[in-house]
């Protein structure tokens, strides 16, 4: 069930509310408010996101199915994020299932529209790229707070696997890290490979431009 997007001045979703007035006004005609019930499956594993979802008061989990039948929650998306990052990073499919963990509402946009608006640049592009580059995004992948990232990174650094300082992370021993992770790493790696090819160079050029603008 969906309805026309009514709140034209400000969105409860933090990403949308941080856009410039001009960019936000351009998106409003393409936004629909949808109700998400607990347990709703937004996207099946190995499927494509037909829509991007900007949660307002709901929370969606990305679930990775393990070979032994178990499941692992690899990400949480609430009103500070967007579900469907593979859409604007040119990914073809996601390896994870997207399931509603807390019922509520979200603002929905067609995948085609999101891609078109993203390539136009402006604050919409910068906000989406900043989202995937921030520590908050890493925290959402761990399903925890920013402090969780610090603790986890500290343990990996103590083991000599990474060097972590002030939000910057450098892998010291990739082989040992890969030997210690569970099988969900391969699932995430597969999805990242889909996202970053064949437009890897273009993507990193955009990221480099963003970092320069942010100083």
N, C-alpha and C. Protein backbone atom coordinates (compact mmCIF):
# COMPACT_ATOMS: atom_id res chain seq x y z
N UNK A 1 0.84 -1.19 0.00
CA UNK A 1 0.00 0.00 0.00
C UNK A 1 0.88 1.24 0.00
N UNK A 2 0.58 2.18 -0.89
CA UNK A 2 1.37 3.41 -0.96
C UNK A 2 0.45 4.59 -1.17
N UNK A 3 0.95 5.77 -0.86
CA UNK A 3 0.19 7.00 -1.10
C UNK A 3 1.15 8.09 -1.53
N UNK A 4 0.63 9.13 -2.08
CA UNK A 4 1.46 10.24 -2.52
C UNK A 4 2.21 10.83 -1.35
N UNK A 5 3.42 11.26 -1.62
CA UNK A 5 4.26 11.86 -0.59
C UNK A 5 3.69 13.23 -0.24
N UNK A 6 3.34 13.44 1.05
CA UNK A 6 2.66 14.65 1.46
C UNK A 6 3.58 15.72 2.03
N UNK A 7 4.64 15.29 2.70
CA UNK A 7 5.50 16.25 3.41
C UNK A 7 6.51 16.84 2.44
N UNK A 8 6.18 17.97 1.84
CA UNK A 8 7.03 18.54 0.81
C UNK A 8 8.11 19.46 1.36
N UNK A 9 8.03 19.82 2.63
CA UNK A 9 9.00 20.76 3.20
C UNK A 9 10.20 20.06 3.83
N UNK A 10 9.94 18.95 4.48
CA UNK A 10 11.03 18.25 5.18
C UNK A 10 10.65 16.79 5.34
N UNK A 11 11.62 15.91 5.15
CA UNK A 11 11.36 14.48 5.28
C UNK A 11 11.87 13.97 6.62
N UNK A 12 11.16 13.03 7.25
CA UNK A 12 11.65 12.41 8.48
C UNK A 12 12.91 11.59 8.26
N UNK A 13 13.21 11.26 7.00
CA UNK A 13 14.44 10.55 6.69
C UNK A 13 15.59 11.55 6.65
N UNK A 14 16.65 11.27 7.40
CA UNK A 14 17.74 12.24 7.56
C UNK A 14 18.51 12.50 6.27
N UNK A 15 18.62 11.50 5.42
CA UNK A 15 19.32 11.73 4.15
C UNK A 15 18.54 12.70 3.27
N UNK A 16 17.24 12.49 3.16
CA UNK A 16 16.43 13.37 2.33
C UNK A 16 16.35 14.78 2.93
N UNK A 17 16.28 14.86 4.24
CA UNK A 17 16.15 16.18 4.88
C UNK A 17 17.43 16.99 4.78
N UNK A 18 18.56 16.35 4.45
CA UNK A 18 19.84 17.06 4.35
C UNK A 18 20.10 17.59 2.95
N UNK A 19 19.18 17.34 2.01
CA UNK A 19 19.36 17.80 0.65
C UNK A 19 19.10 19.31 0.54
N UNK A 20 19.64 19.91 -0.50
CA UNK A 20 19.32 21.31 -0.77
C UNK A 20 17.85 21.41 -1.14
N UNK A 21 17.28 22.59 -0.95
CA UNK A 21 15.86 22.78 -1.26
C UNK A 21 15.57 22.47 -2.73
N UNK A 22 16.49 22.84 -3.61
CA UNK A 22 16.31 22.61 -5.04
C UNK A 22 16.30 21.13 -5.37
N UNK A 23 17.28 20.38 -4.85
CA UNK A 23 17.35 18.95 -5.14
C UNK A 23 16.17 18.20 -4.52
N UNK A 24 15.79 18.60 -3.30
CA UNK A 24 14.68 17.94 -2.62
C UNK A 24 13.38 18.15 -3.39
N UNK A 25 13.15 19.38 -3.85
CA UNK A 25 11.94 19.68 -4.60
C UNK A 25 11.89 18.86 -5.89
N UNK A 26 13.03 18.60 -6.50
CA UNK A 26 13.08 17.82 -7.72
C UNK A 26 12.71 16.36 -7.48
N UNK A 27 12.99 15.85 -6.26
CA UNK A 27 12.70 14.46 -5.94
C UNK A 27 11.26 14.22 -5.53
N UNK A 28 10.63 15.23 -4.92
CA UNK A 28 9.31 15.06 -4.31
C UNK A 28 8.28 14.43 -5.25
N UNK A 29 8.19 14.82 -6.52
CA UNK A 29 7.19 14.19 -7.39
C UNK A 29 7.39 12.69 -7.60
N UNK A 30 8.58 12.20 -7.30
CA UNK A 30 8.91 10.79 -7.53
C UNK A 30 8.83 9.96 -6.24
N UNK A 31 8.44 10.56 -5.14
CA UNK A 31 8.42 9.88 -3.86
C UNK A 31 7.02 9.39 -3.51
N UNK A 32 6.96 8.21 -2.93
CA UNK A 32 5.71 7.66 -2.43
C UNK A 32 5.93 7.15 -1.02
N UNK A 33 4.96 7.39 -0.14
CA UNK A 33 5.03 6.87 1.22
C UNK A 33 4.38 5.49 1.25
N UNK A 34 5.11 4.51 1.79
CA UNK A 34 4.59 3.14 1.85
C UNK A 34 4.63 2.64 3.29
N UNK A 35 3.65 1.80 3.62
CA UNK A 35 3.61 1.16 4.93
C UNK A 35 4.35 -0.17 4.86
N UNK A 36 5.21 -0.41 5.84
CA UNK A 36 5.98 -1.65 5.90
C UNK A 36 5.57 -2.42 7.15
N UNK A 37 5.07 -3.63 6.96
CA UNK A 37 4.66 -4.47 8.08
C UNK A 37 5.81 -5.33 8.55
N UNK A 38 5.78 -5.70 9.82
CA UNK A 38 6.81 -6.56 10.37
C UNK A 38 6.90 -7.86 9.57
N UNK A 39 8.11 -8.19 9.13
CA UNK A 39 8.31 -9.41 8.38
C UNK A 39 8.17 -9.28 6.88
N UNK A 40 7.74 -8.11 6.40
CA UNK A 40 7.66 -7.91 4.95
C UNK A 40 9.03 -8.11 4.31
N UNK A 41 9.07 -8.84 3.21
CA UNK A 41 10.31 -9.04 2.46
C UNK A 41 10.34 -8.04 1.31
N UNK A 42 11.26 -7.09 1.39
CA UNK A 42 11.37 -6.05 0.37
C UNK A 42 12.15 -6.55 -0.83
N UNK A 43 13.14 -7.38 -0.58
CA UNK A 43 13.95 -7.91 -1.68
C UNK A 43 14.47 -9.28 -1.29
N UNK A 44 14.36 -10.24 -2.19
CA UNK A 44 14.88 -11.58 -1.96
C UNK A 44 16.37 -11.63 -2.29
N UNK A 45 17.09 -12.57 -1.70
CA UNK A 45 18.49 -12.75 -2.02
C UNK A 45 18.67 -13.04 -3.50
N UNK A 46 19.75 -12.49 -4.08
CA UNK A 46 20.06 -12.63 -5.50
C UNK A 46 19.03 -11.93 -6.39
N UNK A 47 18.27 -11.00 -5.79
CA UNK A 47 17.27 -10.27 -6.56
C UNK A 47 17.68 -8.81 -6.73
N UNK A 48 16.92 -8.10 -7.55
CA UNK A 48 17.18 -6.70 -7.80
C UNK A 48 16.22 -5.83 -6.99
N UNK A 49 16.72 -4.69 -6.56
CA UNK A 49 15.86 -3.71 -5.91
C UNK A 49 15.11 -2.94 -7.00
N UNK A 50 13.80 -3.08 -7.04
CA UNK A 50 13.01 -2.31 -7.98
C UNK A 50 12.79 -0.90 -7.49
N UNK A 51 12.98 -0.72 -6.18
CA UNK A 51 12.79 0.59 -5.56
C UNK A 51 13.89 0.82 -4.53
N UNK A 52 14.18 2.08 -4.27
CA UNK A 52 15.01 2.45 -3.13
C UNK A 52 14.07 2.86 -2.02
N UNK A 53 14.41 2.52 -0.79
CA UNK A 53 13.57 2.83 0.36
C UNK A 53 14.34 3.72 1.33
N UNK A 54 13.72 4.84 1.69
CA UNK A 54 14.27 5.73 2.70
C UNK A 54 13.37 5.62 3.93
N UNK A 55 13.72 4.76 4.90
CA UNK A 55 12.85 4.57 6.06
C UNK A 55 12.63 5.87 6.83
N UNK A 56 11.44 6.03 7.36
CA UNK A 56 11.13 7.20 8.18
C UNK A 56 10.98 6.81 9.65
N UNK A 57 10.13 5.83 9.92
CA UNK A 57 10.03 5.33 11.30
C UNK A 57 10.06 3.80 11.35
N UNK A 58 10.55 3.19 10.30
CA UNK A 58 10.70 1.73 10.24
C UNK A 58 12.18 1.38 10.22
N UNK A 59 12.46 0.10 10.42
CA UNK A 59 13.84 -0.40 10.35
C UNK A 59 13.84 -1.68 9.52
N UNK A 60 14.76 -1.77 8.58
CA UNK A 60 14.86 -2.93 7.69
C UNK A 60 16.20 -3.62 7.90
N UNK A 61 16.17 -4.94 7.99
CA UNK A 61 17.39 -5.73 8.16
C UNK A 61 17.78 -6.40 6.84
N UNK A 62 19.09 -6.46 6.60
CA UNK A 62 19.61 -7.25 5.49
C UNK A 62 20.11 -8.57 6.07
N UNK A 63 19.56 -9.66 5.57
CA UNK A 63 19.83 -10.98 6.11
C UNK A 63 20.62 -11.81 5.11
N UNK A 64 21.71 -12.39 5.58
CA UNK A 64 22.52 -13.28 4.75
C UNK A 64 22.23 -14.73 5.14
N UNK A 65 21.87 -15.55 4.18
CA UNK A 65 21.60 -16.97 4.43
C UNK A 65 22.90 -17.76 4.35
N UNK A 66 23.21 -18.49 5.42
CA UNK A 66 24.43 -19.27 5.49
C UNK A 66 24.24 -20.64 4.85
N UNK A 67 25.35 -21.30 4.52
CA UNK A 67 25.28 -22.61 3.88
C UNK A 67 24.67 -23.67 4.79
N UNK A 68 24.83 -23.49 6.12
CA UNK A 68 24.29 -24.49 7.05
C UNK A 68 22.83 -24.23 7.41
N UNK A 69 22.21 -23.25 6.73
CA UNK A 69 20.81 -22.96 6.98
C UNK A 69 20.58 -21.83 7.97
N UNK A 70 21.64 -21.41 8.67
CA UNK A 70 21.51 -20.31 9.61
C UNK A 70 21.44 -18.98 8.87
N UNK A 71 21.02 -17.96 9.56
CA UNK A 71 20.95 -16.63 8.97
C UNK A 71 21.74 -15.64 9.83
N UNK A 72 22.32 -14.64 9.17
CA UNK A 72 23.09 -13.60 9.86
C UNK A 72 22.59 -12.24 9.41
N UNK A 73 22.32 -11.38 10.38
CA UNK A 73 21.94 -10.01 10.05
C UNK A 73 23.21 -9.21 9.79
N UNK A 74 23.37 -8.72 8.56
CA UNK A 74 24.61 -8.04 8.18
C UNK A 74 24.45 -6.53 8.11
N UNK A 75 23.22 -6.01 8.18
CA UNK A 75 23.03 -4.56 8.13
C UNK A 75 21.66 -4.19 8.66
N UNK A 76 21.57 -2.96 9.17
CA UNK A 76 20.31 -2.38 9.59
C UNK A 76 20.16 -1.01 8.93
N UNK A 77 18.97 -0.72 8.44
CA UNK A 77 18.73 0.57 7.82
C UNK A 77 17.51 1.21 8.46
N UNK A 78 17.72 2.40 9.04
CA UNK A 78 16.63 3.14 9.67
C UNK A 78 16.46 4.49 9.00
N UNK A 79 15.96 5.48 9.77
CA UNK A 79 15.66 6.78 9.16
C UNK A 79 16.91 7.62 8.90
N UNK A 80 18.08 7.05 9.19
CA UNK A 80 19.33 7.75 8.87
C UNK A 80 19.98 7.18 7.61
N UNK A 81 19.25 6.34 6.87
CA UNK A 81 19.89 5.70 5.73
C UNK A 81 18.95 5.43 4.57
N UNK A 82 19.43 4.61 3.65
CA UNK A 82 18.67 4.24 2.47
C UNK A 82 18.90 2.77 2.19
N UNK A 83 17.87 2.09 1.76
CA UNK A 83 17.97 0.68 1.39
C UNK A 83 17.98 0.59 -0.13
N UNK A 84 19.04 -0.02 -0.66
CA UNK A 84 19.16 -0.14 -2.11
C UNK A 84 20.37 0.61 -2.64
N UNK A 85 21.47 0.63 -1.87
CA UNK A 85 22.67 1.34 -2.31
C UNK A 85 23.23 0.76 -3.60
N UNK A 86 22.97 -0.52 -3.85
CA UNK A 86 23.49 -1.13 -5.09
C UNK A 86 22.88 -0.48 -6.33
N UNK A 87 21.73 0.16 -6.18
CA UNK A 87 21.07 0.80 -7.32
C UNK A 87 21.94 1.92 -7.88
N UNK A 88 22.42 2.82 -6.99
CA UNK A 88 23.19 3.95 -7.50
C UNK A 88 24.67 3.65 -7.63
N UNK A 89 25.08 2.44 -7.19
CA UNK A 89 26.47 2.02 -7.42
C UNK A 89 26.55 1.03 -8.57
N UNK A 90 25.50 0.94 -9.35
CA UNK A 90 25.45 0.11 -10.56
C UNK A 90 25.49 -1.38 -10.28
N UNK A 91 25.11 -1.79 -9.08
CA UNK A 91 25.03 -3.22 -8.81
C UNK A 91 23.80 -3.83 -9.47
N UNK A 92 23.91 -5.07 -9.90
CA UNK A 92 22.81 -5.71 -10.60
C UNK A 92 21.87 -6.45 -9.66
N UNK A 93 22.41 -6.99 -8.57
CA UNK A 93 21.57 -7.76 -7.66
C UNK A 93 22.19 -7.75 -6.28
N UNK A 94 21.38 -8.02 -5.28
CA UNK A 94 21.88 -8.10 -3.91
C UNK A 94 21.89 -9.56 -3.47
N UNK A 95 22.89 -9.93 -2.70
CA UNK A 95 22.99 -11.31 -2.24
C UNK A 95 22.20 -11.53 -0.95
N UNK A 96 21.64 -10.46 -0.39
CA UNK A 96 20.97 -10.55 0.90
C UNK A 96 19.47 -10.31 0.75
N UNK A 97 18.72 -10.83 1.73
CA UNK A 97 17.29 -10.55 1.81
C UNK A 97 17.06 -9.31 2.66
N UNK A 98 16.14 -8.47 2.24
CA UNK A 98 15.79 -7.28 3.00
C UNK A 98 14.44 -7.52 3.67
N UNK A 99 14.44 -7.56 5.00
CA UNK A 99 13.23 -7.90 5.75
C UNK A 99 12.95 -6.80 6.78
N UNK A 100 11.70 -6.42 6.89
CA UNK A 100 11.30 -5.38 7.83
C UNK A 100 11.39 -5.92 9.26
N UNK A 101 12.21 -5.26 10.08
CA UNK A 101 12.38 -5.67 11.48
C UNK A 101 11.53 -4.87 12.44
N UNK A 102 11.26 -3.62 12.11
CA UNK A 102 10.37 -2.76 12.89
C UNK A 102 9.38 -2.13 11.92
N UNK A 103 8.09 -2.41 12.13
CA UNK A 103 7.07 -1.91 11.22
C UNK A 103 6.98 -0.39 11.27
N UNK A 104 6.54 0.17 10.17
CA UNK A 104 6.40 1.62 10.10
C UNK A 104 6.23 2.05 8.65
N UNK A 105 6.80 3.19 8.33
CA UNK A 105 6.68 3.71 6.97
C UNK A 105 8.05 4.02 6.39
N UNK A 106 8.08 4.13 5.07
CA UNK A 106 9.29 4.51 4.35
C UNK A 106 8.87 5.33 3.14
N UNK A 107 9.80 6.11 2.64
CA UNK A 107 9.59 6.84 1.40
C UNK A 107 10.26 6.04 0.29
N UNK A 108 9.50 5.76 -0.76
CA UNK A 108 9.98 4.88 -1.82
C UNK A 108 10.19 5.64 -3.12
N UNK A 109 11.24 5.26 -3.85
CA UNK A 109 11.54 5.86 -5.15
C UNK A 109 11.91 4.76 -6.12
N UNK A 110 11.42 4.85 -7.35
CA UNK A 110 11.77 3.84 -8.35
C UNK A 110 13.28 3.83 -8.59
N UNK A 111 13.81 2.63 -8.78
CA UNK A 111 15.25 2.48 -9.01
C UNK A 111 15.71 3.30 -10.20
N UNK A 112 14.93 3.31 -11.25
CA UNK A 112 15.29 4.06 -12.46
C UNK A 112 15.42 5.55 -12.15
N UNK A 113 14.48 6.07 -11.37
CA UNK A 113 14.51 7.49 -11.03
C UNK A 113 15.72 7.81 -10.16
N UNK A 114 16.01 6.92 -9.19
CA UNK A 114 17.16 7.17 -8.31
C UNK A 114 18.45 7.23 -9.11
N UNK A 115 18.63 6.31 -10.04
CA UNK A 115 19.84 6.32 -10.86
C UNK A 115 19.95 7.61 -11.67
N UNK A 116 18.82 8.00 -12.26
CA UNK A 116 18.83 9.22 -13.08
C UNK A 116 19.17 10.45 -12.25
N UNK A 117 18.60 10.54 -11.05
CA UNK A 117 18.84 11.70 -10.20
C UNK A 117 20.26 11.68 -9.63
N UNK A 118 20.78 10.48 -9.38
CA UNK A 118 22.12 10.36 -8.82
C UNK A 118 23.17 10.88 -9.80
N UNK A 119 23.04 10.52 -11.07
CA UNK A 119 24.06 10.91 -12.04
C UNK A 119 24.00 12.40 -12.35
N UNK A 120 22.94 13.08 -11.93
CA UNK A 120 22.86 14.51 -12.14
C UNK A 120 23.76 15.28 -11.18
N UNK A 121 24.28 14.59 -10.16
CA UNK A 121 25.19 15.22 -9.21
C UNK A 121 24.41 16.01 -8.16
N UNK A 122 25.00 17.13 -7.72
CA UNK A 122 24.34 17.96 -6.71
C UNK A 122 24.39 17.34 -5.33
N UNK A 123 23.57 17.86 -4.42
CA UNK A 123 23.61 17.39 -3.04
C UNK A 123 23.09 15.96 -2.91
N UNK A 124 22.21 15.55 -3.81
CA UNK A 124 21.68 14.18 -3.74
C UNK A 124 22.81 13.17 -3.91
N UNK A 125 23.65 13.38 -4.92
CA UNK A 125 24.77 12.48 -5.13
C UNK A 125 25.74 12.53 -3.96
N UNK A 126 26.05 13.72 -3.49
CA UNK A 126 27.02 13.85 -2.39
C UNK A 126 26.52 13.21 -1.11
N UNK A 127 25.23 13.39 -0.82
CA UNK A 127 24.65 12.81 0.40
C UNK A 127 24.70 11.29 0.35
N UNK A 128 24.36 10.70 -0.79
CA UNK A 128 24.39 9.24 -0.91
C UNK A 128 25.80 8.69 -0.80
N UNK A 129 26.76 9.35 -1.45
CA UNK A 129 28.14 8.89 -1.38
C UNK A 129 28.71 9.07 0.03
N UNK A 130 28.36 10.18 0.67
CA UNK A 130 28.84 10.40 2.03
C UNK A 130 28.29 9.33 2.97
N UNK A 131 27.04 8.93 2.73
CA UNK A 131 26.42 7.90 3.56
C UNK A 131 27.20 6.60 3.52
N UNK A 132 27.60 6.17 2.33
CA UNK A 132 28.29 4.88 2.23
C UNK A 132 29.74 4.97 2.68
N UNK A 133 30.23 6.18 2.89
CA UNK A 133 31.63 6.35 3.28
C UNK A 133 31.82 6.65 4.77
N UNK A 134 30.74 6.86 5.50
CA UNK A 134 30.85 7.28 6.89
C UNK A 134 30.94 6.11 7.85
N UNK A 135 31.37 6.44 9.05
CA UNK A 135 31.46 5.43 10.09
C UNK A 135 30.09 4.94 10.50
N UNK A 136 29.06 5.81 10.36
CA UNK A 136 27.71 5.40 10.68
C UNK A 136 27.27 4.25 9.79
N UNK A 137 27.72 4.26 8.51
CA UNK A 137 27.37 3.18 7.60
C UNK A 137 28.05 1.89 8.04
N UNK A 138 29.32 2.01 8.46
CA UNK A 138 30.02 0.82 8.98
C UNK A 138 29.29 0.30 10.19
N UNK A 139 28.84 1.21 11.06
CA UNK A 139 28.12 0.80 12.26
C UNK A 139 26.83 0.07 11.90
N UNK A 140 26.11 0.56 10.87
CA UNK A 140 24.87 -0.10 10.48
C UNK A 140 25.14 -1.50 9.96
N UNK A 141 26.30 -1.71 9.31
CA UNK A 141 26.64 -3.03 8.82
C UNK A 141 26.95 -3.98 9.98
N UNK A 142 27.45 -3.42 11.09
CA UNK A 142 27.70 -4.24 12.26
C UNK A 142 26.46 -4.37 13.13
N UNK A 143 25.41 -3.60 12.78
CA UNK A 143 24.20 -3.64 13.57
C UNK A 143 24.38 -2.99 14.93
N UNK A 144 25.25 -2.02 15.03
CA UNK A 144 25.50 -1.41 16.33
C UNK A 144 25.76 0.07 16.24
N UNK A 145 26.15 0.66 17.38
CA UNK A 145 26.45 2.07 17.46
C UNK A 145 27.86 2.34 17.00
N UNK A 146 28.22 3.64 16.88
CA UNK A 146 29.57 3.98 16.46
C UNK A 146 30.61 3.44 17.44
N UNK A 147 30.22 3.38 18.74
CA UNK A 147 31.16 2.85 19.73
C UNK A 147 31.49 1.39 19.44
N UNK A 148 30.52 0.66 18.86
CA UNK A 148 30.74 -0.74 18.50
C UNK A 148 31.84 -0.86 17.47
N UNK A 149 31.85 0.07 16.51
CA UNK A 149 32.90 0.08 15.49
C UNK A 149 34.25 0.27 16.13
N UNK A 150 34.33 1.22 17.08
CA UNK A 150 35.60 1.50 17.75
C UNK A 150 36.13 0.28 18.49
N UNK A 151 35.24 -0.40 19.21
CA UNK A 151 35.64 -1.58 19.98
C UNK A 151 36.10 -2.70 19.04
N UNK A 152 35.31 -2.96 18.00
CA UNK A 152 35.66 -4.02 17.05
C UNK A 152 36.98 -3.72 16.35
N UNK A 153 37.14 -2.46 15.95
CA UNK A 153 38.38 -2.07 15.27
C UNK A 153 39.57 -2.19 16.21
N UNK A 154 39.36 -1.85 17.48
CA UNK A 154 40.44 -1.95 18.45
C UNK A 154 40.92 -3.37 18.63
N UNK A 155 40.00 -4.31 18.63
CA UNK A 155 40.37 -5.72 18.78
C UNK A 155 41.15 -6.21 17.57
N UNK A 156 40.71 -5.80 16.39
CA UNK A 156 41.42 -6.20 15.17
C UNK A 156 42.81 -5.58 15.13
N UNK A 157 42.93 -4.35 15.63
CA UNK A 157 44.23 -3.69 15.64
C UNK A 157 45.16 -4.35 16.65
N UNK A 158 44.62 -4.73 17.81
CA UNK A 158 45.43 -5.42 18.82
C UNK A 158 45.96 -6.75 18.29
N UNK A 159 45.19 -7.36 17.39
CA UNK A 159 45.62 -8.64 16.81
C UNK A 159 46.57 -8.45 15.64
N UNK A 160 46.86 -7.19 15.31
CA UNK A 160 47.79 -6.91 14.22
C UNK A 160 47.20 -7.08 12.83
N UNK A 161 45.87 -7.04 12.75
CA UNK A 161 45.22 -7.25 11.46
C UNK A 161 44.96 -5.95 10.71
N UNK A 162 44.72 -4.87 11.45
CA UNK A 162 44.43 -3.58 10.82
C UNK A 162 45.13 -2.46 11.59
N UNK A 163 45.16 -1.30 10.99
CA UNK A 163 45.54 -0.08 11.70
C UNK A 163 44.36 0.88 11.60
N UNK A 164 43.86 1.35 12.75
CA UNK A 164 42.65 2.16 12.79
C UNK A 164 42.89 3.41 13.63
N UNK A 165 42.65 4.58 13.04
CA UNK A 165 42.84 5.83 13.76
C UNK A 165 41.96 6.92 13.19
N UNK A 166 41.15 7.53 14.05
CA UNK A 166 40.31 8.67 13.68
C UNK A 166 39.45 8.41 12.45
N UNK A 167 38.84 7.25 12.43
CA UNK A 167 37.93 6.91 11.34
C UNK A 167 38.60 6.40 10.08
N UNK A 168 39.92 6.36 10.06
CA UNK A 168 40.64 5.84 8.89
C UNK A 168 41.16 4.43 9.20
N UNK A 169 40.90 3.53 8.27
CA UNK A 169 41.24 2.12 8.49
C UNK A 169 42.14 1.63 7.37
N UNK A 170 43.23 0.95 7.76
CA UNK A 170 44.15 0.35 6.79
C UNK A 170 44.34 -1.12 7.13
N UNK A 171 44.13 -1.99 6.15
CA UNK A 171 44.29 -3.43 6.38
C UNK A 171 45.77 -3.78 6.38
N UNK A 172 46.22 -4.42 7.45
CA UNK A 172 47.63 -4.80 7.59
C UNK A 172 47.86 -6.23 7.12
N UNK A 173 46.96 -7.13 7.48
CA UNK A 173 47.14 -8.54 7.13
C UNK A 173 45.82 -9.08 6.58
N UNK A 174 45.60 -8.90 5.29
CA UNK A 174 44.34 -9.32 4.68
C UNK A 174 44.14 -10.83 4.75
N UNK A 175 45.21 -11.58 4.53
CA UNK A 175 45.09 -13.04 4.51
C UNK A 175 44.58 -13.57 5.85
N UNK A 176 45.13 -13.05 6.95
CA UNK A 176 44.69 -13.51 8.28
C UNK A 176 43.25 -13.10 8.56
N UNK A 177 42.86 -11.92 8.08
CA UNK A 177 41.48 -11.49 8.28
C UNK A 177 40.53 -12.43 7.57
N UNK A 178 40.84 -12.77 6.32
CA UNK A 178 39.97 -13.65 5.55
C UNK A 178 39.90 -15.04 6.18
N UNK A 179 40.96 -15.44 6.87
CA UNK A 179 40.97 -16.76 7.51
C UNK A 179 40.11 -16.80 8.77
N UNK A 180 39.84 -15.64 9.35
CA UNK A 180 39.11 -15.60 10.62
C UNK A 180 37.63 -15.28 10.46
N UNK A 181 37.22 -14.81 9.28
CA UNK A 181 35.83 -14.40 9.11
C UNK A 181 34.94 -15.59 8.81
N UNK A 182 33.61 -15.37 8.95
CA UNK A 182 32.66 -16.43 8.63
C UNK A 182 32.30 -16.34 7.14
N UNK A 183 31.45 -17.23 6.71
CA UNK A 183 31.13 -17.32 5.29
C UNK A 183 30.35 -16.11 4.78
N UNK A 184 29.79 -15.28 5.69
CA UNK A 184 29.05 -14.11 5.23
C UNK A 184 29.98 -13.12 4.54
N UNK A 185 31.31 -13.22 4.83
CA UNK A 185 32.26 -12.35 4.14
C UNK A 185 32.21 -12.58 2.64
N UNK A 186 32.15 -13.85 2.24
CA UNK A 186 32.12 -14.15 0.81
C UNK A 186 30.85 -13.63 0.16
N UNK A 187 29.74 -13.69 0.91
CA UNK A 187 28.47 -13.18 0.39
C UNK A 187 28.56 -11.67 0.17
N UNK A 188 29.13 -10.96 1.15
CA UNK A 188 29.30 -9.51 1.02
C UNK A 188 30.28 -9.18 -0.10
N UNK A 189 31.37 -9.96 -0.19
CA UNK A 189 32.37 -9.73 -1.23
C UNK A 189 31.76 -9.90 -2.62
N UNK A 190 30.93 -10.93 -2.77
CA UNK A 190 30.28 -11.17 -4.06
C UNK A 190 29.41 -9.98 -4.45
N UNK A 191 28.66 -9.46 -3.48
CA UNK A 191 27.79 -8.32 -3.77
C UNK A 191 28.61 -7.08 -4.10
N UNK A 192 29.71 -6.87 -3.37
CA UNK A 192 30.57 -5.72 -3.66
C UNK A 192 31.17 -5.81 -5.05
N UNK A 193 31.55 -7.03 -5.46
CA UNK A 193 32.10 -7.20 -6.80
C UNK A 193 31.07 -6.83 -7.86
N UNK A 194 29.81 -7.16 -7.60
CA UNK A 194 28.75 -6.79 -8.54
C UNK A 194 28.56 -5.29 -8.59
N UNK A 195 28.71 -4.66 -7.43
CA UNK A 195 28.52 -3.22 -7.33
C UNK A 195 29.64 -2.45 -8.02
N UNK A 196 30.88 -2.91 -7.85
CA UNK A 196 32.03 -2.13 -8.29
C UNK A 196 32.52 -2.45 -9.69
N UNK A 197 31.90 -3.39 -10.37
CA UNK A 197 32.28 -3.67 -11.75
C UNK A 197 31.04 -3.56 -12.63
N UNK A 198 31.19 -3.05 -13.87
CA UNK A 198 32.43 -2.70 -14.53
C UNK A 198 32.81 -1.24 -14.40
N UNK A 199 32.18 -0.50 -13.45
CA UNK A 199 32.35 0.94 -13.37
C UNK A 199 33.20 1.35 -12.17
N UNK A 200 34.16 0.51 -11.79
CA UNK A 200 34.97 0.78 -10.62
C UNK A 200 35.71 2.11 -10.75
N UNK A 201 36.35 2.34 -11.89
CA UNK A 201 37.14 3.56 -12.06
C UNK A 201 36.26 4.80 -11.94
N UNK A 202 35.08 4.76 -12.56
CA UNK A 202 34.17 5.89 -12.49
C UNK A 202 33.73 6.14 -11.05
N UNK A 203 33.43 5.08 -10.32
CA UNK A 203 32.98 5.22 -8.94
C UNK A 203 34.04 5.84 -8.06
N UNK A 204 35.27 5.35 -8.15
CA UNK A 204 36.32 5.88 -7.30
C UNK A 204 36.69 7.30 -7.70
N UNK A 205 36.53 7.67 -8.97
CA UNK A 205 36.75 9.06 -9.37
C UNK A 205 35.74 9.97 -8.70
N UNK A 206 34.48 9.51 -8.62
CA UNK A 206 33.45 10.29 -7.94
C UNK A 206 33.77 10.42 -6.46
N UNK A 207 34.20 9.32 -5.84
CA UNK A 207 34.54 9.34 -4.41
C UNK A 207 35.71 10.29 -4.14
N UNK A 208 36.73 10.28 -5.03
CA UNK A 208 37.87 11.16 -4.86
C UNK A 208 37.44 12.63 -4.95
N UNK A 209 36.52 12.91 -5.86
CA UNK A 209 36.00 14.26 -5.99
C UNK A 209 35.26 14.68 -4.74
N UNK A 210 34.48 13.77 -4.18
CA UNK A 210 33.73 14.07 -2.96
C UNK A 210 34.67 14.35 -1.81
N UNK A 211 35.71 13.50 -1.64
CA UNK A 211 36.66 13.71 -0.55
C UNK A 211 37.35 15.07 -0.67
N UNK A 212 37.67 15.47 -1.89
CA UNK A 212 38.32 16.77 -2.10
C UNK A 212 37.38 17.90 -1.71
N UNK A 213 36.08 17.77 -2.03
CA UNK A 213 35.12 18.81 -1.69
C UNK A 213 34.90 18.90 -0.18
N UNK A 214 34.98 17.73 0.49
CA UNK A 214 34.78 17.72 1.94
C UNK A 214 36.04 18.15 2.69
N UNK A 215 37.16 18.26 1.95
CA UNK A 215 38.42 18.67 2.59
C UNK A 215 39.07 17.56 3.36
